[in-house]
Amino acid sequence: LSSRGFSPHILVRSPEKLSELAVTKRITSMGKLEGDFDIAGVTSDIASTLGRCKTIFIATTTNCYGEIAMKLAPYLTAEHEVVLFSSKFAGVV
């Protein structure tokens, strides 16, 4: 997304697991997509993130969809678009 001019934000349930990424704000990808890509930030603040982002990609296992939906619901509006991937973190890249 960042290579196409977007500013991706990563919303996580456990920010401590991605503390290094929160500091570097850069993802290195190898394989089908090669390169270093900037991100806007890593946070667990749902309200703030959904206030800035209108398209939300959910990349997790399907058994977590209900929990995530309940947490996002109070902040979603008709302007939001939610895309679900049955995958673990970054498994869709």
N, C-alpha and C. Protein backbone atom coordinates (compact mmCIF):
# COMPACT_ATOMS: atom_id res chain seq x y z
N LEU A 1 0.82 -1.20 0.00
CA LEU A 1 0.00 0.00 0.00
C LEU A 1 0.86 1.26 0.00
N SER A 2 1.93 1.24 0.80
CA SER A 2 2.77 2.45 0.85
C SER A 2 3.47 2.70 -0.48
N SER A 3 3.77 1.65 -1.23
CA SER A 3 4.42 1.83 -2.53
C SER A 3 3.46 2.45 -3.54
N ARG A 4 2.18 2.48 -3.21
CA ARG A 4 1.18 3.07 -4.09
C ARG A 4 0.63 4.40 -3.56
N GLY A 5 1.34 4.96 -2.58
CA GLY A 5 0.97 6.28 -2.09
C GLY A 5 0.04 6.32 -0.90
N PHE A 6 -0.30 5.16 -0.35
CA PHE A 6 -1.16 5.12 0.84
C PHE A 6 -0.30 5.15 2.10
N SER A 7 -0.90 5.47 3.22
CA SER A 7 -0.21 5.48 4.51
C SER A 7 -0.80 4.41 5.41
N PRO A 8 -0.30 3.18 5.31
CA PRO A 8 -0.88 2.09 6.10
C PRO A 8 -0.64 2.25 7.60
N HIS A 9 -1.68 1.96 8.36
CA HIS A 9 -1.61 1.92 9.82
C HIS A 9 -1.85 0.46 10.21
N ILE A 10 -1.14 -0.02 11.20
CA ILE A 10 -1.35 -1.39 11.67
C ILE A 10 -2.00 -1.32 13.05
N LEU A 11 -3.20 -1.85 13.12
CA LEU A 11 -3.96 -1.90 14.37
C LEU A 11 -3.81 -3.31 14.92
N VAL A 12 -3.29 -3.42 16.13
CA VAL A 12 -3.01 -4.73 16.71
C VAL A 12 -3.65 -4.87 18.07
N ARG A 13 -3.90 -6.12 18.46
CA ARG A 13 -4.45 -6.38 19.78
C ARG A 13 -3.37 -6.34 20.86
N SER A 14 -2.13 -6.69 20.49
CA SER A 14 -1.02 -6.74 21.45
C SER A 14 0.16 -5.94 20.90
N PRO A 15 0.18 -4.63 21.11
CA PRO A 15 1.24 -3.81 20.53
C PRO A 15 2.65 -4.19 20.99
N GLU A 16 2.75 -4.77 22.17
CA GLU A 16 4.08 -5.16 22.67
C GLU A 16 4.73 -6.22 21.77
N LYS A 17 3.92 -6.97 21.05
CA LYS A 17 4.47 -7.98 20.14
C LYS A 17 5.12 -7.35 18.90
N LEU A 18 4.77 -6.12 18.62
CA LEU A 18 5.32 -5.43 17.45
C LEU A 18 6.01 -4.13 17.85
N SER A 19 6.63 -4.12 19.03
CA SER A 19 7.25 -2.90 19.53
C SER A 19 8.36 -2.40 18.61
N GLU A 20 9.15 -3.29 18.04
CA GLU A 20 10.22 -2.86 17.13
C GLU A 20 9.63 -2.22 15.88
N LEU A 21 8.58 -2.80 15.35
CA LEU A 21 7.91 -2.24 14.16
C LEU A 21 7.32 -0.87 14.48
N ALA A 22 6.84 -0.68 15.68
CA ALA A 22 6.28 0.61 16.08
C ALA A 22 7.35 1.70 16.07
N VAL A 23 8.59 1.31 16.33
CA VAL A 23 9.70 2.26 16.33
C VAL A 23 10.23 2.49 14.92
N THR A 24 10.47 1.42 14.18
CA THR A 24 11.08 1.56 12.85
C THR A 24 10.09 2.04 11.79
N LYS A 25 8.82 1.68 11.97
CA LYS A 25 7.75 2.02 11.02
C LYS A 25 8.13 1.63 9.59
N ARG A 26 8.71 0.44 9.47
CA ARG A 26 9.17 -0.04 8.18
C ARG A 26 9.06 -1.57 8.14
N ILE A 27 8.51 -2.07 7.05
CA ILE A 27 8.36 -3.51 6.85
C ILE A 27 9.23 -3.92 5.67
N THR A 28 10.00 -4.97 5.86
CA THR A 28 10.80 -5.53 4.77
C THR A 28 10.09 -6.78 4.28
N SER A 29 9.86 -6.83 2.98
CA SER A 29 9.16 -7.96 2.37
C SER A 29 10.10 -8.69 1.42
N MET A 30 10.06 -10.02 1.48
CA MET A 30 10.86 -10.86 0.59
C MET A 30 9.95 -11.90 -0.02
N GLY A 31 10.19 -12.23 -1.26
CA GLY A 31 9.37 -13.22 -1.94
C GLY A 31 8.70 -12.59 -3.14
N LYS A 32 7.40 -12.78 -3.25
CA LYS A 32 6.65 -12.24 -4.39
C LYS A 32 6.68 -10.72 -4.43
N LEU A 33 6.75 -10.10 -3.28
CA LEU A 33 6.81 -8.65 -3.17
C LEU A 33 8.10 -8.30 -2.44
N GLU A 34 9.04 -7.68 -3.13
CA GLU A 34 10.35 -7.37 -2.56
C GLU A 34 10.44 -5.89 -2.22
N GLY A 35 11.04 -5.58 -1.09
CA GLY A 35 11.32 -4.19 -0.78
C GLY A 35 11.11 -3.84 0.67
N ASP A 36 11.40 -2.59 0.97
CA ASP A 36 11.17 -2.01 2.28
C ASP A 36 10.03 -1.02 2.15
N PHE A 37 9.06 -1.12 3.03
CA PHE A 37 7.85 -0.31 2.92
C PHE A 37 7.56 0.40 4.23
N ASP A 38 7.30 1.71 4.13
CA ASP A 38 6.99 2.52 5.31
C ASP A 38 5.54 2.32 5.72
N ILE A 39 5.31 2.39 7.02
CA ILE A 39 3.95 2.39 7.56
C ILE A 39 3.79 3.65 8.41
N ALA A 40 2.57 4.09 8.58
CA ALA A 40 2.32 5.30 9.37
C ALA A 40 2.47 5.05 10.86
N GLY A 41 2.16 3.82 11.30
CA GLY A 41 2.28 3.53 12.71
C GLY A 41 1.68 2.20 13.10
N VAL A 42 1.93 1.82 14.34
CA VAL A 42 1.41 0.59 14.93
C VAL A 42 0.75 0.99 16.24
N THR A 43 -0.50 0.61 16.42
CA THR A 43 -1.22 1.01 17.63
C THR A 43 -2.32 0.01 17.97
N SER A 44 -2.83 0.13 19.18
CA SER A 44 -4.01 -0.64 19.58
C SER A 44 -5.20 0.30 19.76
N ASP A 45 -5.04 1.56 19.40
CA ASP A 45 -6.08 2.58 19.56
C ASP A 45 -7.07 2.52 18.39
N ILE A 46 -8.17 1.81 18.59
CA ILE A 46 -9.15 1.58 17.54
C ILE A 46 -9.79 2.89 17.08
N ALA A 47 -10.24 3.70 18.00
CA ALA A 47 -10.94 4.95 17.65
C ALA A 47 -10.06 5.85 16.79
N SER A 48 -8.83 6.02 17.19
CA SER A 48 -7.92 6.88 16.45
C SER A 48 -7.63 6.33 15.06
N THR A 49 -7.40 5.04 14.98
CA THR A 49 -7.07 4.42 13.69
C THR A 49 -8.25 4.49 12.74
N LEU A 50 -9.44 4.14 13.21
CA LEU A 50 -10.60 4.17 12.32
C LEU A 50 -11.02 5.59 11.97
N GLY A 51 -10.59 6.55 12.77
CA GLY A 51 -10.83 7.95 12.44
C GLY A 51 -9.98 8.41 11.27
N ARG A 52 -8.86 7.75 11.05
CA ARG A 52 -7.94 8.11 9.96
C ARG A 52 -8.06 7.20 8.75
N CYS A 53 -8.55 5.99 8.94
CA CYS A 53 -8.56 4.98 7.87
C CYS A 53 -9.99 4.59 7.50
N LYS A 54 -10.28 4.60 6.23
CA LYS A 54 -11.63 4.23 5.78
C LYS A 54 -11.69 2.80 5.25
N THR A 55 -10.54 2.25 4.86
CA THR A 55 -10.49 0.85 4.43
C THR A 55 -9.70 0.07 5.47
N ILE A 56 -10.30 -0.98 5.99
CA ILE A 56 -9.68 -1.78 7.04
C ILE A 56 -9.53 -3.21 6.53
N PHE A 57 -8.30 -3.70 6.55
CA PHE A 57 -8.02 -5.08 6.18
C PHE A 57 -7.85 -5.87 7.47
N ILE A 58 -8.64 -6.92 7.63
CA ILE A 58 -8.54 -7.79 8.80
C ILE A 58 -7.81 -9.04 8.34
N ALA A 59 -6.59 -9.23 8.85
CA ALA A 59 -5.79 -10.41 8.48
C ALA A 59 -5.56 -11.23 9.75
N THR A 60 -6.43 -12.18 9.97
CA THR A 60 -6.34 -13.03 11.15
C THR A 60 -7.05 -14.35 10.85
N THR A 61 -7.01 -15.25 11.79
CA THR A 61 -7.73 -16.50 11.62
C THR A 61 -9.22 -16.25 11.82
N THR A 62 -10.04 -17.04 11.17
CA THR A 62 -11.48 -16.81 11.18
C THR A 62 -12.09 -16.90 12.58
N ASN A 63 -11.49 -17.65 13.48
CA ASN A 63 -12.06 -17.77 14.82
C ASN A 63 -11.94 -16.47 15.62
N CYS A 64 -11.20 -15.50 15.11
CA CYS A 64 -11.05 -14.19 15.78
C CYS A 64 -11.98 -13.12 15.21
N TYR A 65 -12.67 -13.41 14.12
CA TYR A 65 -13.51 -12.39 13.48
C TYR A 65 -14.56 -11.81 14.42
N GLY A 66 -15.22 -12.64 15.19
CA GLY A 66 -16.28 -12.16 16.09
C GLY A 66 -15.75 -11.18 17.12
N GLU A 67 -14.65 -11.53 17.75
CA GLU A 67 -14.02 -10.65 18.75
C GLU A 67 -13.63 -9.31 18.13
N ILE A 68 -13.02 -9.36 16.97
CA ILE A 68 -12.59 -8.13 16.30
C ILE A 68 -13.79 -7.29 15.87
N ALA A 69 -14.82 -7.94 15.36
CA ALA A 69 -16.03 -7.22 14.94
C ALA A 69 -16.66 -6.47 16.11
N MET A 70 -16.71 -7.11 17.26
CA MET A 70 -17.29 -6.47 18.45
C MET A 70 -16.48 -5.25 18.88
N LYS A 71 -15.16 -5.32 18.75
CA LYS A 71 -14.30 -4.20 19.14
C LYS A 71 -14.38 -3.05 18.14
N LEU A 72 -14.51 -3.37 16.85
CA LEU A 72 -14.55 -2.34 15.82
C LEU A 72 -15.92 -1.68 15.69
N ALA A 73 -16.98 -2.43 15.96
CA ALA A 73 -18.35 -1.99 15.71
C ALA A 73 -18.68 -0.58 16.21
N PRO A 74 -18.31 -0.20 17.42
CA PRO A 74 -18.68 1.14 17.88
C PRO A 74 -18.05 2.28 17.08
N TYR A 75 -17.01 1.98 16.32
CA TYR A 75 -16.26 3.02 15.60
C TYR A 75 -16.48 2.99 14.09
N LEU A 76 -17.14 1.96 13.60
CA LEU A 76 -17.37 1.85 12.16
C LEU A 76 -18.53 2.73 11.72
N THR A 77 -18.39 3.30 10.53
CA THR A 77 -19.45 4.11 9.94
C THR A 77 -19.76 3.57 8.55
N ALA A 78 -20.74 4.16 7.91
CA ALA A 78 -21.09 3.75 6.54
C ALA A 78 -19.96 4.03 5.56
N GLU A 79 -19.03 4.90 5.93
CA GLU A 79 -17.91 5.24 5.06
C GLU A 79 -16.80 4.19 5.09
N HIS A 80 -16.80 3.33 6.09
CA HIS A 80 -15.75 2.32 6.21
C HIS A 80 -16.00 1.13 5.29
N GLU A 81 -14.92 0.56 4.84
CA GLU A 81 -14.94 -0.67 4.05
C GLU A 81 -14.06 -1.67 4.80
N VAL A 82 -14.60 -2.84 5.09
CA VAL A 82 -13.86 -3.87 5.83
C VAL A 82 -13.62 -5.05 4.90
N VAL A 83 -12.35 -5.44 4.80
CA VAL A 83 -11.94 -6.56 3.94
C VAL A 83 -11.38 -7.64 4.86
N LEU A 84 -11.94 -8.84 4.78
CA LEU A 84 -11.51 -9.95 5.64
C LEU A 84 -10.60 -10.91 4.88
N PHE A 85 -9.48 -11.26 5.51
CA PHE A 85 -8.58 -12.28 5.00
C PHE A 85 -8.48 -13.37 6.04
N SER A 86 -8.66 -14.59 5.65
CA SER A 86 -8.47 -15.70 6.55
C SER A 86 -6.98 -16.04 6.53
N SER A 87 -6.26 -15.41 7.46
CA SER A 87 -4.83 -15.54 7.43
C SER A 87 -4.25 -15.08 8.75
N LYS A 88 -2.98 -15.45 8.99
CA LYS A 88 -2.26 -14.90 10.13
C LYS A 88 -1.61 -13.60 9.68
N PHE A 89 -1.09 -12.82 10.62
CA PHE A 89 -0.52 -11.50 10.32
C PHE A 89 0.42 -11.55 9.13
N ALA A 90 0.15 -10.69 8.17
CA ALA A 90 0.94 -10.51 6.97
C ALA A 90 0.97 -11.73 6.06
N GLY A 91 0.16 -12.70 6.35
CA GLY A 91 0.12 -13.88 5.51
C GLY A 91 -0.46 -13.62 4.14
N VAL A 92 -1.09 -12.47 3.97
CA VAL A 92 -1.70 -12.14 2.70
C VAL A 92 -0.72 -11.48 1.73
N VAL A 93 0.47 -11.13 2.24
CA VAL A 93 1.45 -10.46 1.38
C VAL A 93 2.17 -11.49 0.55
